[in-house]
PDB file of N, CA and C in Angstrom:
ATOM      1  N   MET A   1       0.759  -1.170   0.495  1.00  0.00           N
ATOM      2  CA  MET A   1       0.166   0.039  -0.126  1.00  0.00           C
ATOM      3  C   MET A   1       0.899   1.493   0.045  1.00  0.00           C
ATOM      4  N   LEU A   2       2.337   1.650   0.602  1.00  0.00           N
ATOM      5  CA  LEU A   2       3.045   2.576   1.163  1.00  0.00           C
ATOM      6  C   LEU A   2       3.669   2.636  -0.583  1.00  0.00           C
ATOM      7  N   LEU A   3       3.950   1.423  -1.157  1.00  0.00           N
ATOM      8  CA  LEU A   3       4.729   1.809  -2.411  1.00  0.00           C
ATOM      9  C   LEU A   3       3.935   2.202  -3.412  1.00  0.00           C
ATOM     10  N   PHE A   4       2.082   1.997  -3.481  1.00  0.00           N
ATOM     11  CA  PHE A   4       1.089   2.587  -4.228  1.00  0.00           C
ATOM     12  C   PHE A   4       1.302   3.896  -4.179  1.00  0.00           C
ATOM     13  N   GLY A   5       1.190   4.271  -2.548  1.00  0.00           N
ATOM     14  CA  GLY A   5       0.965   5.574  -2.498  1.00  0.00           C
ATOM     15  C   GLY A   5       2.312   6.621  -3.016  1.00  0.00           C
ATOM     16  N   LEU A   6       3.395   5.946  -3.030  1.00  0.00           N
ATOM     17  CA  LEU A   6       4.602   6.494  -3.438  1.00  0.00           C
ATOM     18  C   LEU A   6       4.568   6.823  -5.212  1.00  0.00           C
ATOM     19  N   ASP A   7       4.193   5.641  -5.489  1.00  0.00           N
ATOM     20  CA  ASP A   7       4.268   5.157  -7.184  1.00  0.00           C
ATOM     21  C   ASP A   7       3.001   6.997  -7.156  1.00  0.00           C
ATOM     22  N   LYS A   8       1.562   6.827  -6.654  1.00  0.00           N
ATOM     23  CA  LYS A   8       1.029   7.968  -7.219  1.00  0.00           C
ATOM     24  C   LYS A   8       1.702   8.891  -6.973  1.00  0.00           C
ATOM     25  N   SER A   9       2.309   9.508  -5.430  1.00  0.00           N
ATOM     26  CA  SER A   9       2.959  10.808  -5.378  1.00  0.00           C
ATOM     27  C   SER A   9       3.732  11.631  -6.501  1.00  0.00           C
ATOM     28  N   LEU A  10       4.322  10.349  -7.263  1.00  0.00           N
ATOM     29  CA  LEU A  10       5.534  11.114  -8.224  1.00  0.00           C
ATOM     30  C   LEU A  10       4.513  11.438  -9.088  1.00  0.00           C
ATOM     31  N   THR A  11       3.801  10.937  -9.415  1.00  0.00           N
ATOM     32  CA  THR A  11       2.812  10.944 -10.852  1.00  0.00           C
ATOM     33  C   THR A  11       2.688  12.796 -11.424  1.00  0.00           C
ATOM     34  N   SER A  12       1.888  13.307 -10.215  1.00  0.00           N
ATOM     35  CA  SER A  12       1.873  14.435 -10.030  1.00  0.00           C
ATOM     36  C   SER A  12       1.607  15.304  -9.055  1.00  0.00           C
ATOM     37  N   ALA A  13       1.658  16.512  -8.524  1.00  0.00           N
ATOM     38  CA  ALA A  13       1.677  17.608  -7.622  1.00  0.00           C
ATOM     39  C   ALA A  13      -0.100  17.337  -7.002  1.00  0.00           C
ATOM     40  N   GLU A  14      -0.757  17.503  -7.844  1.00  0.00           N
ATOM     41  CA  GLU A  14      -2.591  16.732  -7.314  1.00  0.00           C
ATOM     42  C   GLU A  14      -2.396  15.665  -6.568  1.00  0.00           C
ATOM     43  N   ASP A  15      -1.697  14.796  -7.186  1.00  0.00           N
ATOM     44  CA  ASP A  15      -1.515  13.468  -6.377  1.00  0.00           C
ATOM     45  C   ASP A  15      -0.740  13.269  -5.014  1.00  0.00           C
ATOM     46  N   PHE A  16       0.365  14.099  -5.384  1.00  0.00           N
ATOM     47  CA  PHE A  16       1.250  14.147  -4.108  1.00  0.00           C
ATOM     48  C   PHE A  16       0.106  14.466  -3.208  1.00  0.00           C
ATOM     49  N   ALA A  17      -0.245  15.546  -3.117  1.00  0.00           N
ATOM     50  CA  ALA A  17      -1.322  16.100  -2.274  1.00  0.00           C
ATOM     51  C   ALA A  17      -2.252  15.690  -1.893  1.00  0.00           C
ATOM     52  N   GLU A  18      -2.926  14.523  -2.514  1.00  0.00           N
ATOM     53  CA  GLU A  18      -4.103  13.346  -2.063  1.00  0.00           C
ATOM     54  C   GLU A  18      -3.163  12.571  -0.959  1.00  0.00           C
ATOM     55  N   VAL A  19      -2.114  12.343  -1.433  1.00  0.00           N
ATOM     56  CA  VAL A  19      -1.353  11.055  -0.570  1.00  0.00           C
ATOM     57  C   VAL A  19      -1.224  11.771   0.387  1.00  0.00           C
ATOM     58  N   LYS A  20      -0.546  12.754   0.467  1.00  0.00           N
ATOM     59  CA  LYS A  20      -0.276  13.338   1.765  1.00  0.00           C
ATOM     60  C   LYS A  20      -1.454  13.732   2.863  1.00  0.00           C
ATOM     61  N   GLU A  21      -2.271  13.911   2.290  1.00  0.00           N
ATOM     62  CA  GLU A  21      -3.210  14.137   2.886  1.00  0.00           C
ATOM     63  C   GLU A  21      -4.202  13.262   3.151  1.00  0.00           C
ATOM     64  N   CYS A  22      -4.095  12.007   2.788  1.00  0.00           N
ATOM     65  CA  CYS A  22      -4.063  10.940   3.630  1.00  0.00           C
ATOM     66  C   CYS A  22      -3.563  10.167   4.154  1.00  0.00           C
ATOM     67  N   LEU A  23      -2.075  10.150   3.953  1.00  0.00           N
ATOM     68  CA  LEU A  23      -1.177  10.274   4.865  1.00  0.00           C
ATOM     69  C   LEU A  23      -1.101  10.961   6.419  1.00  0.00           C
ATOM     70  N   THR A  24      -1.678  12.101   6.559  1.00  0.00           N
ATOM     71  CA  THR A  24      -1.679  12.718   7.858  1.00  0.00           C
ATOM     72  C   THR A  24      -3.195  12.474   8.500  1.00  0.00           C
ATOM     73  N   SER A  25      -3.970  11.584   8.190  1.00  0.00           N
ATOM     74  CA  SER A  25      -5.380  10.916   8.855  1.00  0.00           C
ATOM     75  C   SER A  25      -4.441  10.054  10.221  1.00  0.00           C
ATOM     76  N   PRO A  26      -4.958  10.292  11.217  1.00  0.00           N
ATOM     77  CA  PRO A  26      -5.102   9.877  12.622  1.00  0.00           C
ATOM     78  C   PRO A  26      -4.677   8.178  12.148  1.00  0.00           C
ATOM     79  N   LEU A  27      -5.862   7.487  11.400  1.00  0.00           N
ATOM     80  CA  LEU A  27      -5.846   6.094  11.256  1.00  0.00           C
ATOM     81  C   LEU A  27      -4.452   5.955  10.432  1.00  0.00           C
ATOM     82  N   ALA A  28      -3.709   6.591   9.206  1.00  0.00           N
ATOM     83  CA  ALA A  28      -2.928   6.118   8.800  1.00  0.00           C
ATOM     84  C   ALA A  28      -1.532   6.134   9.448  1.00  0.00           C
ATOM     85  N   LYS A  29      -1.864   7.185  10.519  1.00  0.00           N
ATOM     86  CA  LYS A  29      -0.028   7.404  11.435  1.00  0.00           C
ATOM     87  C   LYS A  29      -0.316   5.995  12.254  1.00  0.00           C
ATOM     88  N   PHE A  30      -2.025   5.568  12.994  1.00  0.00           N
ATOM     89  CA  PHE A  30      -1.631   4.888  14.204  1.00  0.00           C
ATOM     90  C   PHE A  30      -1.109   3.280  13.239  1.00  0.00           C
ATOM     91  N   VAL A  31      -1.692   3.068  12.093  1.00  0.00           N
ATOM     92  CA  VAL A  31      -1.094   2.241  11.199  1.00  0.00           C
ATOM     93  C   VAL A  31       0.378   1.821  11.034  1.00  0.00           C
ATOM     94  N   ILE A  32       0.820   3.075  10.353  1.00  0.00           N
ATOM     95  CA  ILE A  32       2.532   3.132  10.028  1.00  0.00           C
ATOM     96  C   ILE A  32       3.216   3.059  11.496  1.00  0.00           C
ATOM     97  N   TRP A  33       2.532   3.686  12.184  1.00  0.00           N
ATOM     98  CA  TRP A  33       3.370   3.247  13.806  1.00  0.00           C
ATOM     99  C   TRP A  33       3.551   2.177  14.335  1.00  0.00           C
ATOM    100  N   GLY A  34       2.357   1.451  13.915  1.00  0.00           N
ATOM    101  CA  GLY A  34       2.072  -0.291  14.273  1.00  0.00           C
ATOM    102  C   GLY A  34       3.207  -1.554  13.601  1.00  0.00           C
ATOM    103  N   LEU A  35       3.223  -0.577  12.377  1.00  0.00           N
ATOM    104  CA  LEU A  35       4.077  -1.514  11.149  1.00  0.00           C
ATOM    105  C   LEU A  35       5.599  -0.975  11.754  1.00  0.00           C
ATOM    106  N   LEU A  36       5.873  -0.309  12.142  1.00  0.00           N
ATOM    107  CA  LEU A  36       7.249   0.498  12.707  1.00  0.00           C
ATOM    108  C   LEU A  36       7.209  -0.274  13.697  1.00  0.00           C
ATOM    109  N   SER A  37       6.772  -0.528  14.544  1.00  0.00           N
ATOM    110  CA  SER A  37       6.589  -0.679  16.152  1.00  0.00           C
ATOM    111  C   SER A  37       7.255  -2.335  15.839  1.00  0.00           C
ATOM    112  N   ALA A  38       6.332  -2.714  15.123  1.00  0.00           N
ATOM    113  CA  ALA A  38       6.455  -4.250  14.588  1.00  0.00           C
ATOM    114  C   ALA A  38       7.677  -4.748  13.734  1.00  0.00           C
ATOM    115  N   LEU A  39       8.545  -3.703  13.281  1.00  0.00           N
ATOM    116  CA  LEU A  39      10.081  -4.218  12.446  1.00  0.00           C
ATOM    117  C   LEU A  39      10.771  -3.706  13.635  1.00  0.00           C
ATOM    118  N   LEU A  40      10.115  -2.522  14.181  1.00  0.00           N
ATOM    119  CA  LEU A  40      11.472  -2.418  15.249  1.00  0.00           C
ATOM    120  C   LEU A  40      12.184  -3.252  16.382  1.00  0.00           C
ATOM    121  N   TYR A  41      10.588  -3.935  16.723  1.00  0.00           N
ATOM    122  CA  TYR A  41      11.113  -5.530  17.713  1.00  0.00           C
ATOM    123  C   TYR A  41      11.936  -6.722  16.790  1.00  0.00           C
ATOM    124  N   HIS A  42      11.467  -6.457  15.856  1.00  0.00           N
ATOM    125  CA  HIS A  42      12.122  -7.791  14.873  1.00  0.00           C
ATOM    126  C   HIS A  42      13.450  -7.552  15.060  1.00  0.00           C
ATOM    127  N   LEU A  43      13.706  -6.376  14.633  1.00  0.00           N
ATOM    128  CA  LEU A  43      15.185  -5.570  14.456  1.00  0.00           C
ATOM    129  C   LEU A  43      15.759  -6.055  15.835  1.00  0.00           C
ATOM    130  N   VAL A  44      15.668  -5.612  16.720  1.00  0.00           N
ATOM    131  CA  VAL A  44      16.120  -5.454  18.228  1.00  0.00           C
ATOM    132  C   VAL A  44      16.652  -7.058  18.770  1.00  0.00           C
ATOM    133  N   ALA A  45      14.905  -7.998  18.209  1.00  0.00           N
ATOM    134  CA  ALA A  45      15.268  -9.341  18.512  1.00  0.00           C
ATOM    135  C   ALA A  45      16.391 -10.097  17.619  1.00  0.00           C
ATOM    136  N   GLY A  46      16.277  -9.574  16.468  1.00  0.00           N
ATOM    137  CA  GLY A  46      17.438 -10.686  15.524  1.00  0.00           C
ATOM    138  C   GLY A  46      19.072 -10.088  15.431  1.00  0.00           C
ATOM    139  N   VAL A  47      18.984  -8.939  16.256  1.00  0.00           N
ATOM    140  CA  VAL A  47      20.087  -8.366  17.085  1.00  0.00           C
ATOM    141  C   VAL A  47      20.966  -9.339  17.903  1.00  0.00           C
ATOM    142  N   ARG A  48      19.604  -9.552  18.709  1.00  0.00           N
ATOM    143  CA  ARG A  48      19.990 -10.369  19.907  1.00  0.00           C
ATOM    144  C   ARG A  48      19.949 -11.753  19.864  1.00  0.00           C
ATOM    145  N   HIS A  49      19.867 -12.135  18.459  1.00  0.00           N
ATOM    146  CA  HIS A  49      19.770 -13.823  18.393  1.00  0.00           C
ATOM    147  C   HIS A  49      21.441 -13.642  17.535  1.00  0.00           C
ATOM    148  N   LEU A  50      21.896 -12.547  16.880  1.00  0.00           N
ATOM    149  CA  LEU A  50      23.050 -12.499  16.286  1.00  0.00           C
ATOM    150  C   LEU A  50      24.285 -12.305  17.451  1.00  0.00           C
ATOM    151  N   ILE A  51      24.097 -11.397  18.513  1.00  0.00           N
ATOM    152  CA  ILE A  51      24.479 -11.816  19.528  1.00  0.00           C
ATOM    153  C   ILE A  51      24.931 -13.432  20.531  1.00  0.00           C
ATOM    154  N   MET A  52      23.488 -13.494  20.490  1.00  0.00           N
ATOM    155  CA  MET A  52      23.893 -15.180  21.147  1.00  0.00           C
ATOM    156  C   MET A  52      24.532 -15.920  19.870  1.00  0.00           C
ATOM    157  N   ASP A  53      24.324 -15.746  18.953  1.00  0.00           N
ATOM    158  CA  ASP A  53      24.677 -16.740  17.525  1.00  0.00           C
ATOM    159  C   ASP A  53      26.725 -16.928  17.857  1.00  0.00           C
ATOM    160  N   MET A  54      27.425 -15.406  18.504  1.00  0.00           N
ATOM    161  CA  MET A  54      28.551 -15.389  18.791  1.00  0.00           C
ATOM    162  C   MET A  54      28.701 -16.315  19.795  1.00  0.00           C
ATOM    163  N   GLY A  55      27.750 -16.607  20.789  1.00  0.00           N
ATOM    164  CA  GLY A  55      28.235 -17.278  22.427  1.00  0.00           C
ATOM    165  C   GLY A  55      27.939 -16.290  23.310  1.00  0.00           C
ATOM    166  N   ILE A  56      27.313 -15.188  23.258  1.00  0.00           N
ATOM    167  CA  ILE A  56      26.933 -14.259  24.390  1.00  0.00           C
ATOM    168  C   ILE A  56      25.638 -14.721  24.778  1.00  0.00           C
ATOM    169  N   GLY A  57      25.314 -14.698  25.910  1.00  0.00           N
ATOM    170  CA  GLY A  57      23.515 -15.131  26.507  1.00  0.00           C
ATOM    171  C   GLY A  57      23.397 -16.454  25.994  1.00  0.00           C
ATOM    172  N   GLU A  58      23.963 -17.427  26.001  1.00  0.00           N
ATOM    173  CA  GLU A  58      23.589 -18.841  25.663  1.00  0.00           C
ATOM    174  C   GLU A  58      22.684 -19.483  26.822  1.00  0.00           C
ATOM    175  N   THR A  59      23.421 -19.052  28.010  1.00  0.00           N
ATOM    176  CA  THR A  59      22.502 -19.719  29.592  1.00  0.00           C
ATOM    177  C   THR A  59      21.425 -19.355  29.313  1.00  0.00           C
ATOM    178  N   LEU A  60      20.462 -20.083  30.223  1.00  0.00           N
ATOM    179  CA  LEU A  60      19.028 -19.640  31.013  1.00  0.00           C
ATOM    180  C   LEU A  60      19.218 -18.271  31.443  1.00  0.00           C
ATOM    181  N   GLU A  61      19.407 -17.842  31.997  1.00  0.00           N
ATOM    182  CA  GLU A  61      20.023 -16.450  32.821  1.00  0.00           C
ATOM    183  C   GLU A  61      20.244 -15.659  31.861  1.00  0.00           C
ATOM    184  N   GLY A  62      21.171 -15.622  31.006  1.00  0.00           N
ATOM    185  CA  GLY A  62      21.687 -15.090  29.729  1.00  0.00           C
ATOM    186  C   GLY A  62      20.043 -14.559  28.947  1.00  0.00           C
ATOM    187  N   GLY A  63      19.944 -15.680  28.682  1.00  0.00           N
ATOM    188  CA  GLY A  63      18.525 -16.014  27.994  1.00  0.00           C
ATOM    189  C   GLY A  63      17.452 -14.969  28.240  1.00  0.00           C
ATOM    190  N   LYS A  64      17.454 -15.042  29.703  1.00  0.00           N
ATOM    191  CA  LYS A  64      15.993 -14.630  30.718  1.00  0.00           C
ATOM    192  C   LYS A  64      16.784 -12.672  30.407  1.00  0.00           C
ATOM    193  N   LEU A  65      18.023 -12.570  30.687  1.00  0.00           N
ATOM    194  CA  LEU A  65      18.257 -11.229  30.671  1.00  0.00           C
ATOM    195  C   LEU A  65      18.179 -10.898  28.860  1.00  0.00           C
ATOM    196  N   GLY A  66      18.465 -10.954  28.375  1.00  0.00           N
ATOM    197  CA  GLY A  66      18.699 -10.725  26.543  1.00  0.00           C
ATOM    198  C   GLY A  66      17.053 -10.347  26.600  1.00  0.00           C
ATOM    199  N   SER A  67      16.134 -11.016  27.143  1.00  0.00           N
ATOM    200  CA  SER A  67      15.030 -11.098  26.782  1.00  0.00           C
ATOM    201  C   SER A  67      14.239  -9.671  27.122  1.00  0.00           C
ATOM    202  N   LYS A  68      14.552  -9.830  28.490  1.00  0.00           N
ATOM    203  CA  LYS A  68      14.143  -8.029  29.231  1.00  0.00           C
ATOM    204  C   LYS A  68      14.980  -7.159  28.712  1.00  0.00           C
ATOM    205  N   ILE A  69      15.998  -6.844  28.297  1.00  0.00           N
ATOM    206  CA  ILE A  69      16.702  -6.357  27.311  1.00  0.00           C
ATOM    207  C   ILE A  69      16.399  -5.867  25.992  1.00  0.00           C
ATOM    208  N   VAL A  70      15.740  -6.620  25.443  1.00  0.00           N
ATOM    209  CA  VAL A  70      15.264  -6.510  24.256  1.00  0.00           C
ATOM    210  C   VAL A  70      13.437  -6.026  24.431  1.00  0.00           C
ATOM    211  N   ILE A  71      12.839  -6.266  25.476  1.00  0.00           N
ATOM    212  CA  ILE A  71      11.883  -5.622  25.906  1.00  0.00           C
ATOM    213  C   ILE A  71      11.808  -4.026  25.978  1.00  0.00           C
ATOM    214  N   VAL A  72      12.888  -3.947  26.592  1.00  0.00           N
ATOM    215  CA  VAL A  72      13.117  -2.396  27.447  1.00  0.00           C
ATOM    216  C   VAL A  72      13.855  -1.734  26.228  1.00  0.00           C
ATOM    217  N   VAL A  73      14.542  -2.400  25.154  1.00  0.00           N
ATOM    218  CA  VAL A  73      15.147  -1.514  24.374  1.00  0.00           C
ATOM    219  C   VAL A  73      13.896  -1.256  23.085  1.00  0.00           C
ATOM    220  N   SER A  74      13.404  -2.323  22.971  1.00  0.00           N
ATOM    221  CA  SER A  74      12.252  -2.209  21.762  1.00  0.00           C
ATOM    222  C   SER A  74      10.678  -0.681  21.879  1.00  0.00           C
ATOM    223  N   ALA A  75      10.714  -1.000  23.760  1.00  0.00           N
ATOM    224  CA  ALA A  75       9.716   0.023  24.107  1.00  0.00           C
ATOM    225  C   ALA A  75      10.171   1.221  24.097  1.00  0.00           C
ATOM    226  N   ILE A  76      11.551   1.373  24.448  1.00  0.00           N
ATOM    227  CA  ILE A  76      12.158   2.888  23.928  1.00  0.00           C
ATOM    228  C   ILE A  76      12.129   3.414  22.817  1.00  0.00           C
ATOM    229  N   LEU A  77      12.657   2.263  21.629  1.00  0.00           N
ATOM    230  CA  LEU A  77      12.728   2.870  20.183  1.00  0.00           C
ATOM    231  C   LEU A  77      11.254   2.724  19.379  1.00  0.00           C
ATOM    232  N   ILE A  78      10.165   2.114  20.269  1.00  0.00           N
ATOM    233  CA  ILE A  78       8.508   2.229  19.919  1.00  0.00           C
ATOM    234  C   ILE A  78       8.243   3.546  20.401  1.00  0.00           C
ATOM    235  N   ALA A  79       8.692   4.100  21.363  1.00  0.00           N
ATOM    236  CA  ALA A  79       8.001   5.234  21.992  1.00  0.00           C
ATOM    237  C   ALA A  79       8.747   6.515  21.262  1.00  0.00           C
ATOM    238  N   LEU A  80       9.724   6.560  20.971  1.00  0.00           N
ATOM    239  CA  LEU A  80      10.278   7.336  20.344  1.00  0.00           C
ATOM    240  C   LEU A  80       9.632   7.595  18.662  1.00  0.00           C
ATOM    241  N   VAL A  81       9.603   6.505  17.951  1.00  0.00           N
ATOM    242  CA  VAL A  81       9.039   6.408  16.440  1.00  0.00           C
ATOM    243  C   VAL A  81       7.793   6.909  16.583  1.00  0.00           C
ATOM    244  N   GLY A  82       6.671   6.784  18.106  1.00  0.00           N
ATOM    245  CA  GLY A  82       5.888   7.019  18.361  1.00  0.00           C
ATOM    246  C   GLY A  82       5.513   8.930  18.341  1.00  0.00           C
ATOM    247  N   VAL A  83       6.858   9.542  18.661  1.00  0.00           N
ATOM    248  CA  VAL A  83       6.844  10.625  18.753  1.00  0.00           C
ATOM    249  C   VAL A  83       7.450  10.845  17.331  1.00  0.00           C
ATOM    250  N   TRP A  84       8.126  10.783  16.480  1.00  0.00           N
ATOM    251  CA  TRP A  84       8.535  10.786  15.380  1.00  0.00           C
ATOM    252  C   TRP A  84       7.198  11.040  14.117  1.00  0.00           C
ATOM    253  N   VAL A  85       6.184   9.809  14.669  1.00  0.00           N
ATOM    254  CA  VAL A  85       5.442   9.795  13.415  1.00  0.00           C
ATOM    255  C   VAL A  85       4.119  10.711  13.856  1.00  0.00           C
ATOM    256  N   TRP A  86       4.000  10.886  15.195  1.00  0.00           N
ATOM    257  CA  TRP A  86       2.650  12.229  15.615  1.00  0.00           C
ATOM    258  C   TRP A  86       3.515  13.152  15.759  1.00  0.00           C
TER     259      TRP A  86
END
């Protein structure tokens, strides 16, 4: 859907204004924030798994600590993205 909006916004100035108006609605901002939140959590969890592949945090205690760190870092990044989107 976002690629369609990008394609449409590049065709003319009127289409750009239409896409801009659509993306400034609260529902569109909420959907964009939700998508970015999911991507950020996935990114942080992926970095955790890469660190675990290097042999760090492979124990039960390390895994629990790593999952708590992922949740805290993701929450901070999601809040920052929320401020950026809104």
